[in-house]
Amino acid sequence: MSRIRIIDLEVFYCVGVSDEERAQPQRLLLTVDMTFDFTVAAVSDRITKTIDYFAVSQMLLKFGEGRNWKLIEKLAMNIGDEILDEYKPEAITVEVKKFPIPQARHVSVIWTKRRG
């Protein structure tokens, strides 16, 4: 099976346990790994036969508008469910990286789900 990946897409969402943390959007990095057989697209050279990664990235850039989450675990699940519903990959893995601990490069959660 083939995969389409968007790695470390920079987004700004309101996320955090405390009200203060959710008061302003924070920088997050999203990695989305979509399992999808794009053989037909590769043979036909037609974007309509694959997942349009640009469209997915644009959706993710706007995904946080007017929304907030306490946990990045919930955010990862919401993103994954939205992509599964909208773009129909066979499976999805979403990693959300956050930067709350100065002594650590980042913290992250990884969520995976198969369609069906």
C-alpha atoms as a PDB file:
ATOM      1  CA  MET A   1       0.000   0.000   0.000  1.00  0.00           C
ATOM      2  CA  SER A   2       1.168   3.495  -0.804  1.00  0.00           C
ATOM      3  CA  ARG A   3       1.332   6.477   1.523  1.00  0.00           C
ATOM      4  CA  ILE A   4       0.956  10.218   1.193  1.00  0.00           C
ATOM      5  CA  ARG A   5       2.607  12.244   3.956  1.00  0.00           C
ATOM      6  CA  ILE A   6       2.505  15.855   5.065  1.00  0.00           C
ATOM      7  CA  ILE A   7       5.352  16.343   7.528  1.00  0.00           C
ATOM      8  CA  ASP A   8       5.565  19.064  10.184  1.00  0.00           C
ATOM      9  CA  LEU A   9       2.900  21.396   8.817  1.00  0.00           C
ATOM     10  CA  GLU A  10       3.041  24.508  11.004  1.00  0.00           C
ATOM     11  CA  VAL A  11      -0.360  25.519  12.375  1.00  0.00           C
ATOM     12  CA  PHE A  12      -1.546  27.778  15.183  1.00  0.00           C
ATOM     13  CA  TYR A  13      -4.402  26.363  17.291  1.00  0.00           C
ATOM     14  CA  CYS A  14      -5.755  27.131  20.758  1.00  0.00           C
ATOM     15  CA  VAL A  15      -4.852  24.073  22.782  1.00  0.00           C
ATOM     16  CA  GLY A  16      -4.004  23.501  26.437  1.00  0.00           C
ATOM     17  CA  VAL A  17      -5.430  22.314  29.720  1.00  0.00           C
ATOM     18  CA  SER A  18      -5.639  25.744  31.351  1.00  0.00           C
ATOM     19  CA  ASP A  19      -7.733  28.680  30.161  1.00  0.00           C
ATOM     20  CA  GLU A  20      -4.558  30.783  29.945  1.00  0.00           C
ATOM     21  CA  GLU A  21      -2.901  28.248  27.659  1.00  0.00           C
ATOM     22  CA  ARG A  22      -5.942  28.213  25.350  1.00  0.00           C
ATOM     23  CA  ALA A  23      -6.262  32.028  25.329  1.00  0.00           C
ATOM     24  CA  GLN A  24      -3.920  32.452  22.349  1.00  0.00           C
ATOM     25  CA  PRO A  25      -3.140  30.131  19.444  1.00  0.00           C
ATOM     26  CA  GLN A  26       0.028  28.096  19.927  1.00  0.00           C
ATOM     27  CA  ARG A  27       2.465  26.854  17.327  1.00  0.00           C
ATOM     28  CA  LEU A  28       2.022  23.156  16.610  1.00  0.00           C
ATOM     29  CA  LEU A  29       3.532  20.888  13.988  1.00  0.00           C
ATOM     30  CA  LEU A  30       1.260  18.326  12.348  1.00  0.00           C
ATOM     31  CA  THR A  31       2.380  15.229  10.513  1.00  0.00           C
ATOM     32  CA  VAL A  32      -0.286  13.337   8.601  1.00  0.00           C
ATOM     33  CA  ASP A  33       0.416   9.941   7.068  1.00  0.00           C
ATOM     34  CA  MET A  34      -2.375   8.673   4.805  1.00  0.00           C
ATOM     35  CA  THR A  35      -2.378   5.097   3.519  1.00  0.00           C
ATOM     36  CA  PHE A  36      -3.871   5.181   0.037  1.00  0.00           C
ATOM     37  CA  ASP A  37      -3.369   3.125  -3.120  1.00  0.00           C
ATOM     38  CA  PHE A  38      -2.478   5.779  -5.681  1.00  0.00           C
ATOM     39  CA  THR A  39      -1.573   3.353  -8.484  1.00  0.00           C
ATOM     40  CA  VAL A  40      -4.399   4.611 -10.708  1.00  0.00           C
ATOM     41  CA  ALA A  41      -3.265   8.211 -10.193  1.00  0.00           C
ATOM     42  CA  ALA A  42       0.340   7.295 -10.985  1.00  0.00           C
ATOM     43  CA  VAL A  43      -0.691   5.561 -14.215  1.00  0.00           C
ATOM     44  CA  SER A  44      -3.241   8.184 -15.318  1.00  0.00           C
ATOM     45  CA  ASP A  45      -1.368  11.237 -13.966  1.00  0.00           C
ATOM     46  CA  ARG A  46      -4.721  12.600 -12.717  1.00  0.00           C
ATOM     47  CA  ILE A  47      -5.049  14.339  -9.359  1.00  0.00           C
ATOM     48  CA  THR A  48      -8.691  13.270  -9.122  1.00  0.00           C
ATOM     49  CA  LYS A  49      -7.487   9.690  -8.618  1.00  0.00           C
ATOM     50  CA  THR A  50      -5.470  10.446  -5.494  1.00  0.00           C
ATOM     51  CA  ILE A  51      -5.642  12.452  -2.281  1.00  0.00           C
ATOM     52  CA  ASP A  52      -4.887  16.099  -2.984  1.00  0.00           C
ATOM     53  CA  TYR A  53      -2.281  16.812  -0.301  1.00  0.00           C
ATOM     54  CA  PHE A  54      -2.508  20.560  -0.983  1.00  0.00           C
ATOM     55  CA  ALA A  55      -6.249  20.486  -0.194  1.00  0.00           C
ATOM     56  CA  VAL A  56      -5.554  18.498   2.981  1.00  0.00           C
ATOM     57  CA  SER A  57      -2.916  21.017   4.067  1.00  0.00           C
ATOM     58  CA  GLN A  58      -5.253  23.957   3.427  1.00  0.00           C
ATOM     59  CA  MET A  59      -7.979  22.262   5.478  1.00  0.00           C
ATOM     60  CA  LEU A  60      -5.494  21.723   8.323  1.00  0.00           C
ATOM     61  CA  LEU A  61      -4.343  25.354   8.258  1.00  0.00           C
ATOM     62  CA  LYS A  62      -7.960  26.438   8.857  1.00  0.00           C
ATOM     63  CA  PHE A  63      -8.993  23.550  11.121  1.00  0.00           C
ATOM     64  CA  GLY A  64      -8.360  25.438  14.366  1.00  0.00           C
ATOM     65  CA  GLU A  65     -10.325  28.574  13.480  1.00  0.00           C
ATOM     66  CA  GLY A  66     -12.916  29.230  16.185  1.00  0.00           C
ATOM     67  CA  ARG A  67     -12.087  25.983  17.998  1.00  0.00           C
ATOM     68  CA  ASN A  68     -10.037  24.927  20.995  1.00  0.00           C
ATOM     69  CA  TRP A  69      -8.918  21.718  22.643  1.00  0.00           C
ATOM     70  CA  LYS A  70      -7.635  20.897  26.097  1.00  0.00           C
ATOM     71  CA  LEU A  71      -5.638  17.863  24.971  1.00  0.00           C
ATOM     72  CA  ILE A  72      -3.525  17.283  21.884  1.00  0.00           C
ATOM     73  CA  GLU A  73      -4.791  13.689  22.047  1.00  0.00           C
ATOM     74  CA  LYS A  74      -8.309  14.919  21.266  1.00  0.00           C
ATOM     75  CA  LEU A  75      -6.980  17.231  18.562  1.00  0.00           C
ATOM     76  CA  ALA A  76      -5.132  14.355  16.843  1.00  0.00           C
ATOM     77  CA  MET A  77      -8.293  12.236  16.881  1.00  0.00           C
ATOM     78  CA  ASN A  78     -10.454  15.086  15.512  1.00  0.00           C
ATOM     79  CA  ILE A  79      -7.994  15.730  12.679  1.00  0.00           C
ATOM     80  CA  GLY A  80      -7.776  12.039  11.813  1.00  0.00           C
ATOM     81  CA  ASP A  81     -11.539  11.568  11.789  1.00  0.00           C
ATOM     82  CA  GLU A  82     -12.016  14.632   9.572  1.00  0.00           C
ATOM     83  CA  ILE A  83      -9.453  13.421   7.023  1.00  0.00           C
ATOM     84  CA  LEU A  84     -10.899   9.892   7.031  1.00  0.00           C
ATOM     85  CA  ASP A  85     -14.387  11.283   6.362  1.00  0.00           C
ATOM     86  CA  GLU A  86     -13.378  13.858   3.760  1.00  0.00           C
ATOM     87  CA  TYR A  87     -10.504  12.266   1.823  1.00  0.00           C
ATOM     88  CA  LYS A  88     -11.116   8.526   2.364  1.00  0.00           C
ATOM     89  CA  PRO A  89      -7.621   7.123   2.958  1.00  0.00           C
ATOM     90  CA  GLU A  90      -7.496   3.460   3.990  1.00  0.00           C
ATOM     91  CA  ALA A  91      -5.775   4.471   7.221  1.00  0.00           C
ATOM     92  CA  ILE A  92      -4.414   7.581   8.832  1.00  0.00           C
ATOM     93  CA  THR A  93      -1.754   8.424  11.362  1.00  0.00           C
ATOM     94  CA  VAL A  94      -1.679  11.917  12.852  1.00  0.00           C
ATOM     95  CA  GLU A  95       1.160  13.266  14.963  1.00  0.00           C
ATOM     96  CA  VAL A  96       0.709  16.528  16.859  1.00  0.00           C
ATOM     97  CA  LYS A  97       3.868  18.175  18.210  1.00  0.00           C
ATOM     98  CA  LYS A  98       3.650  20.828  20.913  1.00  0.00           C
ATOM     99  CA  PHE A  99       6.396  22.867  22.595  1.00  0.00           C
ATOM    100  CA  PRO A 100       5.441  23.366  26.277  1.00  0.00           C
ATOM    101  CA  ILE A 101       8.632  22.140  27.941  1.00  0.00           C
ATOM    102  CA  PRO A 102      11.676  24.363  27.331  1.00  0.00           C
ATOM    103  CA  GLN A 103      14.107  21.535  28.091  1.00  0.00           C
ATOM    104  CA  ALA A 104      12.531  19.205  25.504  1.00  0.00           C
ATOM    105  CA  ARG A 105      12.541  19.569  21.725  1.00  0.00           C
ATOM    106  CA  HIS A 106       8.790  18.857  21.769  1.00  0.00           C
ATOM    107  CA  VAL A 107       6.100  16.592  23.141  1.00  0.00           C
ATOM    108  CA  SER A 108       3.874  14.712  20.753  1.00  0.00           C
ATOM    109  CA  VAL A 109       1.001  12.309  20.440  1.00  0.00           C
ATOM    110  CA  ILE A 110       0.465   9.905  17.578  1.00  0.00           C
ATOM    111  CA  TRP A 111      -2.993   8.604  16.682  1.00  0.00           C
ATOM    112  CA  THR A 112      -3.759   5.927  14.081  1.00  0.00           C
ATOM    113  CA  LYS A 113      -7.049   4.634  12.699  1.00  0.00           C
ATOM    114  CA  ARG A 114      -8.130   2.436   9.804  1.00  0.00           C
ATOM    115  CA  ARG A 115     -11.271   3.232   7.821  1.00  0.00           C
ATOM    116  CA  GLY A 116     -14.231   0.925   8.208  1.00  0.00           C
END
